[in-house]
């Protein structure tokens, strides 16, 4: 299958991927491992810190993995696949939400018995991915394999929907916040009718009275509300992030 992929004209780059269960020192039960052959940077996860796997002896994990194992970048972990054992160094922290199940990303060179089950290909500019896949499929189908194209339009559509929902949610929050401020101003004004009457009696114009009300709102909302909002944001967002995990992002072309 590797020969079928590399022998077709129009290939720009490719990498192989193998998925298997491994044992990791300090973690009970098996851990899902994604092992990559070749330059897999085009399909890497988004990184929070460090870098993606670039060679032998390296491993990339999620924040959940580091927290659960009380490790950090630069530490070394022992990984066992079948009868092979490798000491891998944490080089990157990935941005993903793989659920409660732990996952690691490493290089196939660390385990001689690991063979890619999938090859992901990026075609050259102007080369039809569908045509390329048909040529590869004609070679690998007799061997029990298949070749399909992966379109990014579906991912773009999902991202567009998520962005639209985020904008709508933001507008709703702004509207609710504005109505809340308006409600507070109206109630405060009604409670201060006597004070405003005194201000008008001593000669304040309607514009001056309005400026007085707006000044009090600005002091409360600007000097107190804004710093309090920033402080609350700094406290709430990390808690939410730890509660729901992190978003998994991948980019691929042909699998």
Foldseek 3Di string as FASTA:
>chain_A
DVCLLVVDPFFDDKKFWFWDWKDKPQDPDTAIEIAMGDDCPQWDAAFPDFDDEDDAQAKEWAPLVCVSSVHDAQDWIWMGDDHAIGIHGYGTHGFACPDPGTYMYYHCVRPPPTDGPDMFTDGDPPDDQQVSQVSSQVVCVVVVDHKDWDDCVVVVVVVVVVVVVVVVVVVVVVVVVVVVLVVVLVVVCVVCVVVLVVVVVVPDDPVRSVVVSVVVSCCCCPVPVVVVVVVVCVVPVVVVCVVRGGHTDTGTTMD
